[in-house]
N, C-alpha and C. Protein backbone atom coordinates (compact mmCIF):
# COMPACT_ATOMS: atom_id res chain seq x y z
N MET A 1 108.74 72.44 95.44
CA MET A 1 108.06 73.31 94.52
C MET A 1 109.09 73.96 93.59
N ALA A 2 108.86 73.91 92.31
CA ALA A 2 109.81 74.44 91.33
C ALA A 2 109.80 75.96 91.35
N PRO A 3 110.95 76.58 91.15
CA PRO A 3 110.98 78.05 91.12
C PRO A 3 110.23 78.56 89.91
N GLU A 4 109.57 79.69 90.09
CA GLU A 4 108.81 80.28 89.00
C GLU A 4 109.77 81.00 88.07
N THR A 5 109.64 80.73 86.79
CA THR A 5 110.49 81.41 85.82
C THR A 5 109.78 82.67 85.37
N LYS A 6 110.56 83.71 85.17
CA LYS A 6 110.00 85.00 84.78
C LYS A 6 110.29 85.22 83.30
N LYS A 7 109.22 85.39 82.52
CA LYS A 7 109.38 85.63 81.09
C LYS A 7 109.38 87.13 80.86
N GLU A 8 110.47 87.64 80.36
CA GLU A 8 110.56 89.05 80.05
C GLU A 8 110.32 89.23 78.55
N SER A 9 111.38 89.30 77.79
CA SER A 9 111.25 89.39 76.35
C SER A 9 111.72 88.08 75.75
N PRO A 10 111.26 87.75 74.54
CA PRO A 10 111.57 86.46 73.97
C PRO A 10 113.05 86.19 73.75
N LEU A 11 113.84 87.21 73.44
CA LEU A 11 115.25 87.02 73.18
C LEU A 11 116.09 87.88 74.12
N PRO A 12 117.22 87.35 74.61
CA PRO A 12 118.09 88.18 75.44
C PRO A 12 118.57 89.39 74.66
N GLY A 13 118.52 90.55 75.28
CA GLY A 13 118.96 91.76 74.60
C GLY A 13 117.89 92.39 73.73
N ALA A 14 116.73 91.73 73.60
CA ALA A 14 115.65 92.30 72.80
C ALA A 14 114.98 93.42 73.57
N ALA A 15 114.33 94.31 72.85
CA ALA A 15 113.62 95.42 73.50
C ALA A 15 112.49 94.86 74.36
N PRO A 16 112.24 95.47 75.52
CA PRO A 16 111.15 94.99 76.37
C PRO A 16 109.80 95.17 75.68
N GLU A 17 108.87 94.32 76.06
CA GLU A 17 107.53 94.41 75.48
C GLU A 17 106.86 95.71 75.87
N ARG A 18 106.05 96.21 74.98
CA ARG A 18 105.25 97.39 75.26
C ARG A 18 103.89 96.94 75.75
N PHE A 19 103.30 97.76 76.61
CA PHE A 19 102.00 97.45 77.18
C PHE A 19 100.96 97.26 76.08
N GLU A 20 101.01 98.09 75.06
CA GLU A 20 100.05 98.01 73.97
C GLU A 20 100.15 96.67 73.23
N GLU A 21 101.37 96.16 73.07
CA GLU A 21 101.56 94.87 72.41
C GLU A 21 100.95 93.74 73.25
N ILE A 22 101.13 93.84 74.55
CA ILE A 22 100.56 92.84 75.45
C ILE A 22 99.04 92.87 75.34
N LEU A 23 98.46 94.06 75.32
CA LEU A 23 97.00 94.17 75.20
C LEU A 23 96.48 93.55 73.91
N VAL A 24 97.17 93.79 72.81
CA VAL A 24 96.75 93.21 71.52
C VAL A 24 96.76 91.69 71.60
N ARG A 25 97.84 91.14 72.15
CA ARG A 25 97.94 89.68 72.27
C ARG A 25 96.87 89.13 73.20
N LEU A 26 96.63 89.83 74.30
CA LEU A 26 95.62 89.40 75.26
C LEU A 26 94.22 89.42 74.64
N ARG A 27 93.93 90.46 73.89
CA ARG A 27 92.61 90.54 73.22
C ARG A 27 92.44 89.39 72.22
N GLY A 28 93.52 89.05 71.52
CA GLY A 28 93.46 87.93 70.58
C GLY A 28 93.16 86.62 71.29
N LEU A 29 93.79 86.41 72.45
CA LEU A 29 93.53 85.19 73.21
C LEU A 29 92.09 85.15 73.69
N VAL A 30 91.58 86.28 74.15
CA VAL A 30 90.20 86.34 74.63
C VAL A 30 89.23 86.01 73.50
N GLU A 31 89.48 86.54 72.32
CA GLU A 31 88.62 86.24 71.17
C GLU A 31 88.62 84.75 70.86
N ARG A 32 89.82 84.14 70.90
CA ARG A 32 89.91 82.69 70.62
C ARG A 32 89.14 81.90 71.67
N LEU A 33 89.30 82.28 72.94
CA LEU A 33 88.61 81.55 74.01
C LEU A 33 87.09 81.76 73.93
N GLU A 34 86.66 82.97 73.64
CA GLU A 34 85.23 83.24 73.57
C GLU A 34 84.59 82.57 72.37
N GLY A 35 85.39 82.25 71.35
CA GLY A 35 84.86 81.56 70.18
C GLY A 35 84.32 80.18 70.53
N GLY A 36 84.87 79.57 71.56
CA GLY A 36 84.39 78.28 72.05
C GLY A 36 84.72 77.09 71.18
N ASN A 37 85.60 77.25 70.22
CA ASN A 37 85.92 76.15 69.30
C ASN A 37 87.26 75.48 69.58
N LEU A 38 87.90 75.83 70.69
CA LEU A 38 89.20 75.24 71.00
C LEU A 38 89.03 73.97 71.82
N PRO A 39 89.87 72.98 71.56
CA PRO A 39 89.88 71.81 72.44
C PRO A 39 90.32 72.23 73.84
N LEU A 40 90.01 71.40 74.81
CA LEU A 40 90.29 71.72 76.20
C LEU A 40 91.76 72.07 76.43
N GLU A 41 92.68 71.28 75.89
CA GLU A 41 94.10 71.52 76.11
C GLU A 41 94.52 72.88 75.56
N GLU A 42 94.04 73.23 74.37
CA GLU A 42 94.37 74.52 73.78
C GLU A 42 93.75 75.66 74.58
N SER A 43 92.54 75.44 75.09
CA SER A 43 91.88 76.45 75.91
C SER A 43 92.68 76.71 77.18
N LEU A 44 93.14 75.64 77.81
CA LEU A 44 93.93 75.80 79.03
C LEU A 44 95.24 76.52 78.75
N ARG A 45 95.89 76.17 77.63
CA ARG A 45 97.15 76.82 77.27
C ARG A 45 96.91 78.31 76.98
N ALA A 46 95.82 78.61 76.28
CA ALA A 46 95.50 80.01 75.98
C ALA A 46 95.22 80.77 77.28
N PHE A 47 94.54 80.12 78.21
CA PHE A 47 94.26 80.74 79.51
C PHE A 47 95.56 81.02 80.26
N GLU A 48 96.46 80.03 80.28
CA GLU A 48 97.76 80.21 80.93
C GLU A 48 98.54 81.36 80.29
N ASP A 49 98.54 81.39 78.97
CA ASP A 49 99.23 82.47 78.27
C ASP A 49 98.62 83.82 78.63
N GLY A 50 97.31 83.86 78.70
CA GLY A 50 96.61 85.10 79.06
C GLY A 50 96.96 85.56 80.46
N MET A 51 97.05 84.63 81.39
CA MET A 51 97.41 84.99 82.77
C MET A 51 98.83 85.52 82.82
N GLU A 52 99.74 84.93 82.05
CA GLU A 52 101.11 85.43 82.00
C GLU A 52 101.16 86.84 81.40
N LEU A 53 100.39 87.06 80.35
CA LEU A 53 100.32 88.40 79.76
C LEU A 53 99.76 89.41 80.76
N CYS A 54 98.76 89.00 81.53
CA CYS A 54 98.20 89.88 82.56
C CYS A 54 99.26 90.24 83.59
N ARG A 55 100.05 89.26 84.02
CA ARG A 55 101.11 89.54 85.01
C ARG A 55 102.13 90.53 84.44
N ARG A 56 102.52 90.32 83.20
CA ARG A 56 103.51 91.21 82.59
C ARG A 56 102.93 92.61 82.38
N GLY A 57 101.68 92.68 81.97
CA GLY A 57 101.03 93.98 81.81
C GLY A 57 100.91 94.71 83.13
N THR A 58 100.56 93.97 84.18
CA THR A 58 100.45 94.56 85.51
C THR A 58 101.79 95.09 85.99
N ALA A 59 102.86 94.36 85.71
CA ALA A 59 104.20 94.81 86.10
C ALA A 59 104.55 96.12 85.39
N ILE A 60 104.20 96.23 84.13
CA ILE A 60 104.47 97.46 83.38
C ILE A 60 103.67 98.61 83.97
N LEU A 61 102.39 98.37 84.28
CA LEU A 61 101.55 99.42 84.88
C LEU A 61 102.07 99.83 86.26
N ASP A 62 102.50 98.85 87.06
CA ASP A 62 103.05 99.16 88.37
C ASP A 62 104.29 100.04 88.25
N SER A 63 105.14 99.71 87.29
CA SER A 63 106.34 100.50 87.07
C SER A 63 105.99 101.93 86.65
N ALA A 64 105.01 102.06 85.77
CA ALA A 64 104.59 103.39 85.32
C ALA A 64 104.01 104.18 86.49
N GLU A 65 103.25 103.51 87.36
CA GLU A 65 102.68 104.19 88.51
C GLU A 65 103.77 104.72 89.43
N LYS A 66 104.82 103.91 89.65
CA LYS A 66 105.92 104.36 90.50
C LYS A 66 106.63 105.56 89.90
N LYS A 67 106.80 105.56 88.57
CA LYS A 67 107.44 106.70 87.91
C LYS A 67 106.61 107.95 88.08
N VAL A 68 105.28 107.82 87.94
CA VAL A 68 104.40 108.97 88.09
C VAL A 68 104.46 109.49 89.53
N GLU A 69 104.44 108.58 90.50
CA GLU A 69 104.54 108.99 91.90
C GLU A 69 105.84 109.75 92.15
N THR A 70 106.91 109.29 91.56
CA THR A 70 108.21 109.95 91.71
C THR A 70 108.17 111.34 91.10
N LEU A 71 107.56 111.46 89.93
CA LEU A 71 107.50 112.75 89.26
C LEU A 71 106.58 113.74 89.97
N LEU A 72 105.56 113.25 90.63
CA LEU A 72 104.60 114.14 91.29
C LEU A 72 105.08 114.67 92.64
N GLY A 73 106.00 114.01 93.25
CA GLY A 73 106.42 114.48 94.57
C GLY A 73 107.81 114.02 94.92
N SER A 74 108.28 114.48 96.04
CA SER A 74 109.59 114.06 96.51
C SER A 74 109.49 112.67 97.11
N ALA A 75 110.63 112.05 97.35
CA ALA A 75 110.65 110.70 97.91
C ALA A 75 110.07 110.71 99.32
N ALA A 76 110.19 111.82 100.04
CA ALA A 76 109.70 111.89 101.41
C ALA A 76 108.18 112.04 101.46
N ALA A 77 107.60 112.75 100.52
CA ALA A 77 106.15 112.99 100.56
C ALA A 77 105.56 112.95 99.16
N PRO A 78 105.41 111.76 98.60
CA PRO A 78 104.83 111.70 97.26
C PRO A 78 103.37 112.15 97.27
N ARG A 79 103.00 112.82 96.21
CA ARG A 79 101.62 113.30 96.08
C ARG A 79 100.88 112.30 95.20
N VAL A 80 100.16 111.40 95.84
CA VAL A 80 99.44 110.36 95.13
C VAL A 80 97.96 110.63 95.27
N ALA A 81 97.27 110.68 94.14
CA ALA A 81 95.84 110.89 94.14
C ALA A 81 95.19 109.75 93.36
N PRO A 82 94.04 109.27 93.79
CA PRO A 82 93.38 108.21 93.04
C PRO A 82 92.95 108.69 91.67
N PHE A 83 93.04 107.79 90.72
CA PHE A 83 92.61 108.09 89.36
C PHE A 83 91.10 108.11 89.33
N GLU A 84 90.54 109.18 88.77
CA GLU A 84 89.08 109.27 88.66
C GLU A 84 88.70 109.09 87.20
N ASP A 85 87.88 108.08 86.95
CA ASP A 85 87.42 107.79 85.60
C ASP A 85 86.32 108.77 85.26
N PRO A 86 86.49 109.60 84.21
CA PRO A 86 85.47 110.59 83.86
C PRO A 86 84.16 109.96 83.39
N GLU A 87 84.21 108.68 82.99
CA GLU A 87 83.00 108.02 82.49
C GLU A 87 82.23 107.30 83.58
N GLY A 88 82.75 107.25 84.75
CA GLY A 88 81.96 106.52 85.74
C GLY A 88 82.64 106.43 87.00
């Protein structure tokens, strides 16, 4: 099994991607896929790209969550509370 390559930023030394940029790209891919006009190969590639963007976005969110946990409490007893959505 080939090792999984991790895509960070497109160029070495470039600024890391922002979560908002990933969301914009992901929304664009979703629009293209929902349009239903892509050939199968392009649809699969768009899906793969979308999954990679999801992984990178999740990594950014996980990192942000760890920072918040660190800021809310000490390393011995972090104060973690579930996020409550005011809309539902």
